[in-house]
C-alpha atoms as a PDB file:
ATOM      1  CA  MET A   1       0.007  -0.088   0.003  1.00  0.00           C
ATOM      2  CA  ILE A   2       2.852   2.492   0.791  1.00  0.00           C
ATOM      3  CA  TYR A   3       4.121   2.005  -2.516  1.00  0.00           C
ATOM      4  CA  HIS A   4       1.085   2.376  -4.267  1.00  0.00           C
ATOM      5  CA  MET A   5       0.529   5.648  -2.152  1.00  0.00           C
ATOM      6  CA  ILE A   6       3.980   7.054  -3.162  1.00  0.00           C
ATOM      7  CA  ALA A   7       3.309   6.543  -6.865  1.00  0.00           C
ATOM      8  CA  PHE A   8       0.020   7.752  -6.612  1.00  0.00           C
ATOM      9  CA  GLY A   9       1.218  11.025  -5.224  1.00  0.00           C
ATOM     10  CA  LEU A  10       4.258  11.268  -7.209  1.00  0.00           C
ATOM     11  CA  GLY A  11       2.241  10.707 -10.570  1.00  0.00           C
ATOM     12  CA  PHE A  12      -0.188  13.293  -9.737  1.00  0.00           C
ATOM     13  CA  CYS A  13       2.755  15.894  -9.076  1.00  0.00           C
ATOM     14  CA  LEU A  14       4.358  14.722 -12.527  1.00  0.00           C
ATOM     15  CA  ASP A  15       0.986  15.377 -14.459  1.00  0.00           C
ATOM     16  CA  LEU A  16       0.858  18.977 -12.755  1.00  0.00           C
ATOM     17  CA  LEU A  17       4.790  19.488 -13.873  1.00  0.00           C
ATOM     18  CA  LEU A  18       4.646  17.997 -17.324  1.00  0.00           C
ATOM     19  CA  GLY A  19       1.096  17.790 -18.687  1.00  0.00           C
ATOM     20  CA  ASP A  20       0.843  15.676 -21.742  1.00  0.00           C
ATOM     21  CA  PRO A  21       3.785  16.470 -24.291  1.00  0.00           C
ATOM     22  CA  TYR A  22       2.924  15.840 -27.892  1.00  0.00           C
ATOM     23  CA  TRP A  23       6.257  14.138 -28.471  1.00  0.00           C
ATOM     24  CA  LEU A  24       5.837  11.439 -25.919  1.00  0.00           C
ATOM     25  CA  PRO A  25       3.928   8.289 -27.064  1.00  0.00           C
ATOM     26  CA  HIS A  26       0.891   7.880 -24.970  1.00  0.00           C
ATOM     27  CA  PRO A  27      -0.820   4.617 -24.008  1.00  0.00           C
ATOM     28  CA  ILE A  28      -4.211   6.159 -24.421  1.00  0.00           C
ATOM     29  CA  ARG A  29      -3.428   7.023 -27.979  1.00  0.00           C
ATOM     30  CA  LEU A  30      -2.380   3.226 -28.363  1.00  0.00           C
ATOM     31  CA  ILE A  31      -5.790   2.269 -26.771  1.00  0.00           C
ATOM     32  CA  GLY A  32      -7.567   4.553 -29.196  1.00  0.00           C
ATOM     33  CA  ASN A  33      -5.711   3.081 -32.257  1.00  0.00           C
ATOM     34  CA  PHE A  34      -6.541  -0.486 -31.129  1.00  0.00           C
ATOM     35  CA  ILE A  35     -10.339   0.685 -30.765  1.00  0.00           C
ATOM     36  CA  GLY A  36     -10.072   2.176 -34.159  1.00  0.00           C
ATOM     37  CA  ILE A  37      -8.845  -1.042 -35.854  1.00  0.00           C
ATOM     38  CA  LEU A  38     -11.515  -3.231 -33.906  1.00  0.00           C
ATOM     39  CA  GLU A  39     -14.352  -0.720 -34.792  1.00  0.00           C
ATOM     40  CA  LYS A  40     -13.418  -0.906 -38.436  1.00  0.00           C
ATOM     41  CA  LYS A  41     -13.284  -4.737 -38.661  1.00  0.00           C
ATOM     42  CA  MET A  42     -16.414  -5.190 -36.660  1.00  0.00           C
ATOM     43  CA  ASN A  43     -18.891  -2.275 -37.247  1.00  0.00           C
ATOM     44  CA  LYS A  44     -20.207  -3.262 -40.713  1.00  0.00           C
ATOM     45  CA  LYS A  45     -23.058  -1.195 -42.046  1.00  0.00           C
ATOM     46  CA  GLU A  46     -24.602  -4.074 -43.900  1.00  0.00           C
ATOM     47  CA  CYS A  47     -25.140  -6.057 -40.699  1.00  0.00           C
ATOM     48  CA  SER A  48     -28.315  -6.352 -38.686  1.00  0.00           C
ATOM     49  CA  GLU A  49     -28.990  -4.336 -35.720  1.00  0.00           C
ATOM     50  CA  ARG A  50     -28.678  -7.275 -33.339  1.00  0.00           C
ATOM     51  CA  TYR A  51     -25.402  -8.176 -34.743  1.00  0.00           C
ATOM     52  CA  LEU A  52     -24.152  -4.685 -34.164  1.00  0.00           C
ATOM     53  CA  VAL A  53     -25.035  -4.487 -30.599  1.00  0.00           C
ATOM     54  CA  ARG A  54     -23.437  -7.895 -29.800  1.00  0.00           C
ATOM     55  CA  ALA A  55     -20.260  -6.965 -31.873  1.00  0.00           C
ATOM     56  CA  GLY A  56     -20.214  -3.578 -29.977  1.00  0.00           C
ATOM     57  CA  ARG A  57     -20.121  -5.715 -26.518  1.00  0.00           C
ATOM     58  CA  GLY A  58     -17.506  -7.924 -28.040  1.00  0.00           C
ATOM     59  CA  MET A  59     -15.397  -5.108 -28.843  1.00  0.00           C
ATOM     60  CA  VAL A  60     -15.760  -3.635 -25.319  1.00  0.00           C
ATOM     61  CA  ALA A  61     -14.847  -6.994 -23.670  1.00  0.00           C
ATOM     62  CA  LEU A  62     -12.015  -7.346 -25.910  1.00  0.00           C
ATOM     63  CA  VAL A  63     -10.400  -3.791 -25.407  1.00  0.00           C
ATOM     64  CA  LEU A  64     -11.011  -4.033 -21.581  1.00  0.00           C
ATOM     65  CA  LEU A  65      -9.509  -7.490 -21.280  1.00  0.00           C
ATOM     66  CA  THR A  66      -6.321  -6.575 -23.270  1.00  0.00           C
ATOM     67  CA  VAL A  67      -5.906  -3.411 -21.275  1.00  0.00           C
ATOM     68  CA  LEU A  68      -6.307  -5.229 -17.867  1.00  0.00           C
ATOM     69  CA  MET A  69      -3.820  -7.836 -18.844  1.00  0.00           C
ATOM     70  CA  VAL A  70      -1.246  -5.766 -20.314  1.00  0.00           C
ATOM     71  CA  THR A  71      -1.295  -3.186 -17.437  1.00  0.00           C
ATOM     72  CA  ALA A  72      -1.371  -6.050 -14.889  1.00  0.00           C
ATOM     73  CA  PHE A  73       1.613  -7.793 -16.533  1.00  0.00           C
ATOM     74  CA  LEU A  74       3.757  -5.054 -16.685  1.00  0.00           C
ATOM     75  CA  LEU A  75       3.192  -3.763 -13.125  1.00  0.00           C
ATOM     76  CA  ILE A  76       3.754  -7.477 -11.736  1.00  0.00           C
ATOM     77  CA  LEU A  77       6.923  -7.706 -13.650  1.00  0.00           C
ATOM     78  CA  ALA A  78       8.306  -4.284 -12.606  1.00  0.00           C
ATOM     79  CA  TYR A  79       7.545  -5.053  -8.801  1.00  0.00           C
ATOM     80  CA  ARG A  80       9.079  -8.432  -9.200  1.00  0.00           C
ATOM     81  CA  ILE A  81      12.226  -6.852 -10.558  1.00  0.00           C
ATOM     82  CA  HIS A  82      12.451  -4.472  -7.803  1.00  0.00           C
ATOM     83  CA  PRO A  83       9.965  -2.407  -5.608  1.00  0.00           C
ATOM     84  CA  VAL A  84      11.615   1.035  -6.992  1.00  0.00           C
ATOM     85  CA  ALA A  85      11.205  -0.097 -10.608  1.00  0.00           C
ATOM     86  CA  GLY A  86       7.626  -0.913  -9.780  1.00  0.00           C
ATOM     87  CA  VAL A  87       7.067   2.497  -8.028  1.00  0.00           C
ATOM     88  CA  ILE A  88       8.498   4.204 -10.945  1.00  0.00           C
ATOM     89  CA  LEU A  89       6.454   2.481 -13.507  1.00  0.00           C
ATOM     90  CA  GLU A  90       3.286   2.892 -11.488  1.00  0.00           C
ATOM     91  CA  MET A  91       4.222   6.646 -11.078  1.00  0.00           C
ATOM     92  CA  ILE A  92       4.586   7.005 -14.864  1.00  0.00           C
ATOM     93  CA  MET A  93       1.314   5.181 -15.496  1.00  0.00           C
ATOM     94  CA  THR A  94      -0.515   7.381 -12.995  1.00  0.00           C
ATOM     95  CA  TYR A  95       0.822  10.373 -14.736  1.00  0.00           C
ATOM     96  CA  GLN A  96      -0.309   9.384 -18.188  1.00  0.00           C
ATOM     97  CA  ILE A  97      -4.014   8.583 -16.842  1.00  0.00           C
ATOM     98  CA  LEU A  98      -4.312  11.967 -15.237  1.00  0.00           C
ATOM     99  CA  ALA A  99      -4.987  15.135 -17.452  1.00  0.00           C
ATOM    100  CA  THR A 100      -5.214  18.062 -15.191  1.00  0.00           C
ATOM    101  CA  LYS A 101      -2.298  20.238 -16.878  1.00  0.00           C
ATOM    102  CA  CYS A 102      -3.337  19.111 -20.271  1.00  0.00           C
ATOM    103  CA  LEU A 103      -6.776  20.082 -19.963  1.00  0.00           C
ATOM    104  CA  LYS A 104      -5.548  23.635 -18.652  1.00  0.00           C
ATOM    105  CA  VAL A 105      -3.033  24.069 -21.397  1.00  0.00           C
ATOM    106  CA  GLU A 106      -5.691  23.370 -24.292  1.00  0.00           C
ATOM    107  CA  SER A 107      -8.410  25.409 -22.769  1.00  0.00           C
ATOM    108  CA  MET A 108      -5.928  28.302 -22.097  1.00  0.00           C
ATOM    109  CA  LYS A 109      -4.927  28.341 -25.835  1.00  0.00           C
ATOM    110  CA  VAL A 110      -8.583  29.346 -26.317  1.00  0.00           C
ATOM    111  CA  TYR A 111      -8.215  32.025 -23.701  1.00  0.00           C
ATOM    112  CA  GLU A 112      -4.970  33.494 -25.217  1.00  0.00           C
ATOM    113  CA  GLN A 113      -6.576  33.776 -28.602  1.00  0.00           C
ATOM    114  CA  LEU A 114      -9.608  35.515 -27.277  1.00  0.00           C
ATOM    115  CA  GLN A 115      -7.306  37.932 -25.514  1.00  0.00           C
ATOM    116  CA  LYS A 116      -5.811  38.829 -28.626  1.00  0.00           C
ATOM    117  CA  GLN A 117      -9.220  39.227 -30.302  1.00  0.00           C
ATOM    118  CA  ASN A 118      -8.369  36.654 -32.807  1.00  0.00           C
ATOM    119  CA  LEU A 119     -11.640  34.954 -33.185  1.00  0.00           C
ATOM    120  CA  PRO A 120     -10.879  32.472 -36.027  1.00  0.00           C
ATOM    121  CA  ALA A 121      -8.011  31.248 -34.013  1.00  0.00           C
ATOM    122  CA  ALA A 122      -9.917  30.982 -30.937  1.00  0.00           C
ATOM    123  CA  ARG A 123     -12.665  28.774 -32.861  1.00  0.00           C
ATOM    124  CA  LYS A 124      -9.811  26.611 -34.148  1.00  0.00           C
ATOM    125  CA  ALA A 125      -8.198  26.249 -30.790  1.00  0.00           C
ATOM    126  CA  VAL A 126     -11.613  25.275 -29.081  1.00  0.00           C
ATOM    127  CA  SER A 127     -12.493  22.790 -32.113  1.00  0.00           C
ATOM    128  CA  MET A 128      -9.577  20.811 -30.703  1.00  0.00           C
ATOM    129  CA  ILE A 129     -11.287  20.053 -27.485  1.00  0.00           C
ATOM    130  CA  VAL A 130     -14.950  20.023 -28.245  1.00  0.00           C
ATOM    131  CA  GLY A 131     -17.152  17.943 -30.599  1.00  0.00           C
ATOM    132  CA  ARG A 132     -19.450  20.388 -31.701  1.00  0.00           C
ATOM    133  CA  ASP A 133     -19.327  22.755 -34.702  1.00  0.00           C
ATOM    134  CA  THR A 134     -17.509  25.878 -34.006  1.00  0.00           C
ATOM    135  CA  GLU A 135     -17.385  27.546 -37.276  1.00  0.00           C
ATOM    136  CA  GLN A 136     -20.130  30.059 -36.584  1.00  0.00           C
ATOM    137  CA  LEU A 137     -19.499  30.724 -32.794  1.00  0.00           C
ATOM    138  CA  ASP A 138     -19.141  34.285 -31.536  1.00  0.00           C
ATOM    139  CA  GLU A 139     -16.706  35.061 -28.818  1.00  0.00           C
ATOM    140  CA  THR A 140     -19.232  34.261 -26.093  1.00  0.00           C
ATOM    141  CA  GLY A 141     -19.921  30.853 -27.776  1.00  0.00           C
ATOM    142  CA  VAL A 142     -16.032  30.011 -27.996  1.00  0.00           C
ATOM    143  CA  ALA A 143     -15.651  30.943 -24.262  1.00  0.00           C
ATOM    144  CA  LYS A 144     -18.799  29.061 -23.203  1.00  0.00           C
ATOM    145  CA  ALA A 145     -17.493  25.924 -25.080  1.00  0.00           C
ATOM    146  CA  ALA A 146     -14.071  26.148 -23.376  1.00  0.00           C
ATOM    147  CA  ILE A 147     -15.608  26.549 -19.935  1.00  0.00           C
ATOM    148  CA  GLU A 148     -18.004  23.689 -20.498  1.00  0.00           C
ATOM    149  CA  THR A 149     -15.074  21.388 -21.624  1.00  0.00           C
ATOM    150  CA  VAL A 150     -12.893  22.357 -18.442  1.00  0.00           C
ATOM    151  CA  ALA A 151     -15.939  21.758 -16.274  1.00  0.00           C
ATOM    152  CA  GLU A 152     -17.066  18.362 -17.882  1.00  0.00           C
ATOM    153  CA  ASN A 153     -13.502  17.005 -18.013  1.00  0.00           C
ATOM    154  CA  ALA A 154     -12.801  17.989 -14.530  1.00  0.00           C
ATOM    155  CA  SER A 155     -14.787  14.871 -13.777  1.00  0.00           C
ATOM    156  CA  ASP A 156     -13.828  12.347 -16.425  1.00  0.00           C
ATOM    157  CA  GLY A 157     -10.153  13.694 -17.232  1.00  0.00           C
ATOM    158  CA  VAL A 158      -9.133  14.210 -13.527  1.00  0.00           C
ATOM    159  CA  ILE A 159     -11.489  13.091 -10.626  1.00  0.00           C
ATOM    160  CA  ALA A 160     -12.873   9.891 -12.115  1.00  0.00           C
ATOM    161  CA  PRO A 161      -9.457   8.484 -13.143  1.00  0.00           C
ATOM    162  CA  MET A 162      -7.989   9.613  -9.792  1.00  0.00           C
ATOM    163  CA  ILE A 163     -10.761   7.681  -7.802  1.00  0.00           C
ATOM    164  CA  TYR A 164     -10.242   4.524  -9.962  1.00  0.00           C
ATOM    165  CA  LEU A 165      -6.351   4.789  -9.669  1.00  0.00           C
ATOM    166  CA  ALA A 166      -6.998   4.946  -5.811  1.00  0.00           C
ATOM    167  CA  VAL A 167      -9.112   1.829  -5.778  1.00  0.00           C
ATOM    168  CA  GLY A 168      -7.239  -0.295  -8.253  1.00  0.00           C
ATOM    169  CA  GLY A 169      -4.153   1.567  -9.390  1.00  0.00           C
ATOM    170  CA  PRO A 170      -3.159   1.856 -12.888  1.00  0.00           C
ATOM    171  CA  VAL A 171      -4.905  -1.493 -13.865  1.00  0.00           C
ATOM    172  CA  LEU A 172      -8.350  -0.066 -13.179  1.00  0.00           C
ATOM    173  CA  GLY A 173      -7.249   3.348 -14.043  1.00  0.00           C
ATOM    174  CA  PHE A 174      -6.344   2.376 -17.754  1.00  0.00           C
ATOM    175  CA  ALA A 175      -9.476   0.320 -17.721  1.00  0.00           C
ATOM    176  CA  TYR A 176     -11.671   3.387 -16.975  1.00  0.00           C
ATOM    177  CA  LYS A 177      -9.717   5.429 -19.574  1.00  0.00           C
ATOM    178  CA  ALA A 178     -10.423   2.700 -22.074  1.00  0.00           C
ATOM    179  CA  VAL A 179     -14.240   2.868 -21.432  1.00  0.00           C
ATOM    180  CA  ASN A 180     -13.873   6.722 -21.749  1.00  0.00           C
ATOM    181  CA  THR A 181     -12.061   6.402 -25.086  1.00  0.00           C
ATOM    182  CA  MET A 182     -14.405   3.857 -26.447  1.00  0.00           C
ATOM    183  CA  ASP A 183     -17.323   6.115 -25.670  1.00  0.00           C
ATOM    184  CA  SER A 184     -15.569   9.400 -27.165  1.00  0.00           C
ATOM    185  CA  MET A 185     -14.819   7.163 -30.379  1.00  0.00           C
ATOM    186  CA  VAL A 186     -18.113   5.167 -30.869  1.00  0.00           C
ATOM    187  CA  GLY A 187     -20.550   6.381 -28.395  1.00  0.00           C
ATOM    188  CA  TYR A 188     -22.428   8.658 -30.501  1.00  0.00           C
ATOM    189  CA  LYS A 189     -26.018   8.106 -31.456  1.00  0.00           C
ATOM    190  CA  ASN A 190     -25.447   8.719 -35.168  1.00  0.00           C
ATOM    191  CA  GLU A 191     -26.329   6.319 -38.080  1.00  0.00           C
ATOM    192  CA  LYS A 192     -22.804   4.639 -38.012  1.00  0.00           C
ATOM    193  CA  ASN A 193     -22.530   3.865 -34.152  1.00  0.00           C
ATOM    194  CA  LEU A 194     -26.132   3.929 -32.964  1.00  0.00           C
ATOM    195  CA  TYR A 195     -26.219   0.145 -32.374  1.00  0.00           C
ATOM    196  CA  PHE A 196     -22.484  -0.580 -32.240  1.00  0.00           C
ATOM    197  CA  GLY A 197     -21.491   2.048 -29.591  1.00  0.00           C
ATOM    198  CA  ARG A 198     -24.552   1.582 -27.325  1.00  0.00           C
ATOM    199  CA  PHE A 199     -23.040  -0.787 -24.880  1.00  0.00           C
ATOM    200  CA  ALA A 200     -19.802   1.273 -24.688  1.00  0.00           C
ATOM    201  CA  ALA A 201     -21.947   4.499 -24.094  1.00  0.00           C
ATOM    202  CA  LYS A 202     -24.084   2.821 -21.420  1.00  0.00           C
ATOM    203  CA  LEU A 203     -20.985   1.398 -19.639  1.00  0.00           C
ATOM    204  CA  ASP A 204     -19.409   4.882 -19.686  1.00  0.00           C
ATOM    205  CA  ASP A 205     -22.424   6.236 -17.968  1.00  0.00           C
ATOM    206  CA  VAL A 206     -22.159   3.567 -15.248  1.00  0.00           C
ATOM    207  CA  VAL A 207     -18.455   4.025 -14.396  1.00  0.00           C
ATOM    208  CA  ASN A 208     -18.918   7.739 -14.253  1.00  0.00           C
ATOM    209  CA  PHE A 209     -22.042   7.834 -12.188  1.00  0.00           C
ATOM    210  CA  ILE A 210     -20.487   7.977  -8.873  1.00  0.00           C
ATOM    211  CA  PRO A 211     -17.280   9.924  -9.812  1.00  0.00           C
ATOM    212  CA  SER A 212     -19.093  12.575 -11.585  1.00  0.00           C
ATOM    213  CA  ARG A 213     -21.154  13.243  -8.393  1.00  0.00           C
ATOM    214  CA  VAL A 214     -18.041  13.209  -6.234  1.00  0.00           C
ATOM    215  CA  ALA A 215     -16.376  15.639  -8.656  1.00  0.00           C
ATOM    216  CA  ALA A 216     -19.296  18.088  -8.556  1.00  0.00           C
ATOM    217  CA  LEU A 217     -19.174  17.980  -4.807  1.00  0.00           C
ATOM    218  CA  LEU A 218     -15.577  18.754  -4.703  1.00  0.00           C
ATOM    219  CA  MET A 219     -16.118  21.700  -7.131  1.00  0.00           C
ATOM    220  CA  ILE A 220     -18.724  23.123  -4.781  1.00  0.00           C
ATOM    221  CA  VAL A 221     -16.285  22.608  -1.973  1.00  0.00           C
ATOM    222  CA  ALA A 222     -13.592  24.317  -4.022  1.00  0.00           C
ATOM    223  CA  SER A 223     -15.868  27.330  -4.737  1.00  0.00           C
ATOM    224  CA  PHE A 224     -16.457  28.069  -0.821  1.00  0.00           C
ATOM    225  CA  LEU A 225     -12.538  28.366  -0.559  1.00  0.00           C
ATOM    226  CA  PRO A 226     -11.330  32.089  -0.505  1.00  0.00           C
ATOM    227  CA  GLY A 227     -11.834  33.675  -3.662  1.00  0.00           C
ATOM    228  CA  LYS A 228     -13.939  36.776  -4.657  1.00  0.00           C
ATOM    229  CA  ARG A 229     -14.713  35.015  -8.205  1.00  0.00           C
ATOM    230  CA  PHE A 230     -16.652  32.026  -6.996  1.00  0.00           C
ATOM    231  CA  SER A 231     -19.702  31.451  -5.133  1.00  0.00           C
ATOM    232  CA  GLY A 232     -20.113  28.217  -2.977  1.00  0.00           C
ATOM    233  CA  THR A 233     -23.793  28.855  -2.565  1.00  0.00           C
ATOM    234  CA  GLY A 234     -24.295  29.486  -6.092  1.00  0.00           C
ATOM    235  CA  ALA A 235     -22.657  26.218  -7.082  1.00  0.00           C
ATOM    236  CA  TRP A 236     -24.760  24.326  -4.515  1.00  0.00           C
ATOM    237  CA  LYS A 237     -27.852  25.722  -5.600  1.00  0.00           C
ATOM    238  CA  ILE A 238     -27.337  25.496  -9.438  1.00  0.00           C
ATOM    239  CA  TRP A 239     -25.953  21.734  -8.884  1.00  0.00           C
ATOM    240  CA  ARG A 240     -29.131  20.888  -6.945  1.00  0.00           C
ATOM    241  CA  ARG A 241     -31.261  22.464  -9.736  1.00  0.00           C
ATOM    242  CA  ASP A 242     -29.628  21.766 -13.114  1.00  0.00           C
ATOM    243  CA  SER A 243     -27.583  18.688 -12.476  1.00  0.00           C
ATOM    244  CA  ARG A 244     -29.877  16.526 -14.158  1.00  0.00           C
ATOM    245  CA  LYS A 245     -30.383  18.949 -17.472  1.00  0.00           C
ATOM    246  CA  HIS A 246     -28.501  16.768 -19.899  1.00  0.00           C
ATOM    247  CA  ALA A 247     -29.192  13.705 -21.969  1.00  0.00           C
ATOM    248  CA  SER A 248     -26.314  11.983 -20.071  1.00  0.00           C
ATOM    249  CA  PRO A 249     -26.921  11.333 -16.493  1.00  0.00           C
ATOM    250  CA  ASN A 250     -23.348  12.558 -15.572  1.00  0.00           C
ATOM    251  CA  SER A 251     -22.397  15.530 -17.910  1.00  0.00           C
ATOM    252  CA  ALA A 252     -24.234  18.092 -15.997  1.00  0.00           C
ATOM    253  CA  GLN A 253     -22.961  17.364 -12.628  1.00  0.00           C
ATOM    254  CA  THR A 254     -19.734  19.453 -12.752  1.00  0.00           C
ATOM    255  CA  GLU A 255     -21.008  21.669 -15.500  1.00  0.00           C
ATOM    256  CA  SER A 256     -23.879  22.793 -13.213  1.00  0.00           C
ATOM    257  CA  ALA A 257     -21.687  23.439 -10.248  1.00  0.00           C
ATOM    258  CA  CYS A 258     -19.301  25.501 -12.429  1.00  0.00           C
ATOM    259  CA  ALA A 259     -21.976  27.558 -13.697  1.00  0.00           C
ATOM    260  CA  GLY A 260     -23.358  28.318 -10.437  1.00  0.00           C
ATOM    261  CA  SER A 261     -19.812  28.973  -9.039  1.00  0.00           C
ATOM    262  CA  LEU A 262     -19.227  31.798 -11.561  1.00  0.00           C
ATOM    263  CA  GLY A 263     -22.798  32.940 -11.937  1.00  0.00           C
ATOM    264  CA  ILE A 264     -22.976  32.273 -15.494  1.00  0.00           C
ATOM    265  CA  GLN A 265     -25.157  30.452 -17.859  1.00  0.00           C
ATOM    266  CA  LEU A 266     -23.731  27.340 -19.741  1.00  0.00           C
ATOM    267  CA  ALA A 267     -25.087  24.869 -22.256  1.00  0.00           C
ATOM    268  CA  GLY A 268     -28.256  25.662 -24.495  1.00  0.00           C
ATOM    269  CA  ASP A 269     -28.436  24.567 -28.306  1.00  0.00           C
ATOM    270  CA  ALA A 270     -25.419  23.674 -30.189  1.00  0.00           C
ATOM    271  CA  SER A 271     -24.518  22.598 -33.602  1.00  0.00           C
ATOM    272  CA  TYR A 272     -23.261  19.137 -34.390  1.00  0.00           C
ATOM    273  CA  PHE A 273     -22.135  17.811 -37.854  1.00  0.00           C
ATOM    274  CA  GLY A 274     -24.279  20.680 -39.376  1.00  0.00           C
ATOM    275  CA  LYS A 275     -27.457  19.917 -37.228  1.00  0.00           C
ATOM    276  CA  THR A 276     -28.691  22.054 -34.384  1.00  0.00           C
ATOM    277  CA  VAL A 277     -29.318  20.003 -31.351  1.00  0.00           C
ATOM    278  CA  LYS A 278     -31.968  21.541 -28.653  1.00  0.00           C
ATOM    279  CA  LYS A 279     -30.191  21.550 -24.942  1.00  0.00           C
ATOM    280  CA  PRO A 280     -31.663  23.080 -21.848  1.00  0.00           C
ATOM    281  CA  THR A 281     -29.525  25.891 -20.329  1.00  0.00           C
ATOM    282  CA  ILE A 282     -27.637  25.351 -17.344  1.00  0.00           C
ATOM    283  CA  GLY A 283     -27.334  28.112 -14.567  1.00  0.00           C
ATOM    284  CA  ASP A 284     -28.491  31.711 -14.305  1.00  0.00           C
ATOM    285  CA  ALA A 285     -27.031  34.519 -16.432  1.00  0.00           C
ATOM    286  CA  LEU A 286     -26.300  36.802 -13.721  1.00  0.00           C
ATOM    287  CA  ARG A 287     -23.558  38.355 -16.063  1.00  0.00           C
ATOM    288  CA  PRO A 288     -22.343  37.737 -19.465  1.00  0.00           C
ATOM    289  CA  VAL A 289     -19.698  35.050 -19.946  1.00  0.00           C
ATOM    290  CA  LYS A 290     -16.540  36.570 -20.589  1.00  0.00           C
ATOM    291  CA  PRO A 291     -12.840  35.048 -21.512  1.00  0.00           C
ATOM    292  CA  GLU A 292     -11.590  35.541 -17.983  1.00  0.00           C
ATOM    293  CA  ASP A 293     -14.255  33.018 -17.007  1.00  0.00           C
ATOM    294  CA  ILE A 294     -11.890  30.179 -18.710  1.00  0.00           C
ATOM    295  CA  ARG A 295      -9.083  31.198 -16.379  1.00  0.00           C
ATOM    296  CA  CYS A 296     -11.492  30.875 -13.399  1.00  0.00           C
ATOM    297  CA  ALA A 297     -12.685  27.575 -14.417  1.00  0.00           C
ATOM    298  CA  ASN A 298      -9.150  26.191 -14.426  1.00  0.00           C
ATOM    299  CA  VAL A 299      -8.569  27.546 -10.938  1.00  0.00           C
ATOM    300  CA  LEU A 300     -11.634  25.707  -9.968  1.00  0.00           C
ATOM    301  CA  LEU A 301     -10.258  22.664 -11.701  1.00  0.00           C
ATOM    302  CA  TYR A 302      -6.823  22.926 -10.029  1.00  0.00           C
ATOM    303  CA  ARG A 303      -8.560  23.541  -6.547  1.00  0.00           C
ATOM    304  CA  MET A 304     -10.855  20.269  -6.928  1.00  0.00           C
ATOM    305  CA  ALA A 305      -7.742  18.349  -8.222  1.00  0.00           C
ATOM    306  CA  PHE A 306      -5.979  18.999  -4.995  1.00  0.00           C
ATOM    307  CA  LEU A 307      -8.999  18.344  -2.892  1.00  0.00           C
ATOM    308  CA  GLY A 308      -9.477  14.909  -4.656  1.00  0.00           C
ATOM    309  CA  MET A 309      -5.902  14.001  -4.230  1.00  0.00           C
ATOM    310  CA  ALA A 310      -5.968  14.781  -0.700  1.00  0.00           C
ATOM    311  CA  VAL A 311      -9.253  12.739  -0.060  1.00  0.00           C
ATOM    312  CA  CYS A 312      -7.960   9.808  -2.057  1.00  0.00           C
ATOM    313  CA  LEU A 313      -4.657   9.614  -0.011  1.00  0.00           C
ATOM    314  CA  SER A 314      -6.380  10.118   3.159  1.00  0.00           C
ATOM    315  CA  LEU A 315      -8.558   7.184   2.496  1.00  0.00           C
ATOM    316  CA  LEU A 316      -5.691   5.067   1.289  1.00  0.00           C
ATOM    317  CA  TYR A 317      -3.742   5.848   4.505  1.00  0.00           C
ATOM    318  CA  PHE A 318      -6.685   5.242   6.768  1.00  0.00           C
ATOM    319  CA  LEU A 319      -8.250   2.165   5.120  1.00  0.00           C
END
């Protein structure tokens, strides 16, 4: 347990220091490539709906089994060589699973372009981190998209993997990221993936159900910490009221807490693949959304990341 705690804490620090360098090969990209190969082979347009649902389940099982076996084998081998080798490998794996700094860096690229009043560049920057169409977004729309991404990924990019890392180390951490990656690649309700990606999408909802609510509570606590920009009572109020205003049972959890904390309105209608999707708004428009709110959302992100790490380490120590 002490080795696990050391690797857990060091991996978190490494993520904050290094982020995700583009030149460094990343296991999540390898998992994504594997998913892409399986999807191409198994998701046949001419097949029946029943076959596609079963094929989707088979893909999920194959990906998870592969990820679990490879991660467990590498960790067991490293710890058998020497405990220090095991700690180093577990630390690196933990670092690769968390995405705190990466999320901040990518969202701040949007902020920097908005500060320069370069709207086309800001649209391009935000298109790298959101799934919606960005070509027609104005400054407010770009800022909102970036804030929503920070808020939502504060759960599935930071707190949720942190919880699974604490419970089951990198083995469970990479399994969670595999589920998350499958959902982002094939979990869309479009013609191509409606049946094939159904199981991956449902599984992602299940594995994020508790972590997303823990993340929202951490964001609310973070909003009560000193700082005039945030409202803890607002975060609590809007979370209680708007946390279910999303097709997903999890996506609006941290988004509602963030909107309430900042006193702004998020969500609403958005365009995907050229089609407008009607969505309810989240939060109250107590003031207009500004580019500076992207910075504020990242402050909340880091506050809740440190709170989450403190809680996880405390539970590991006492339990």
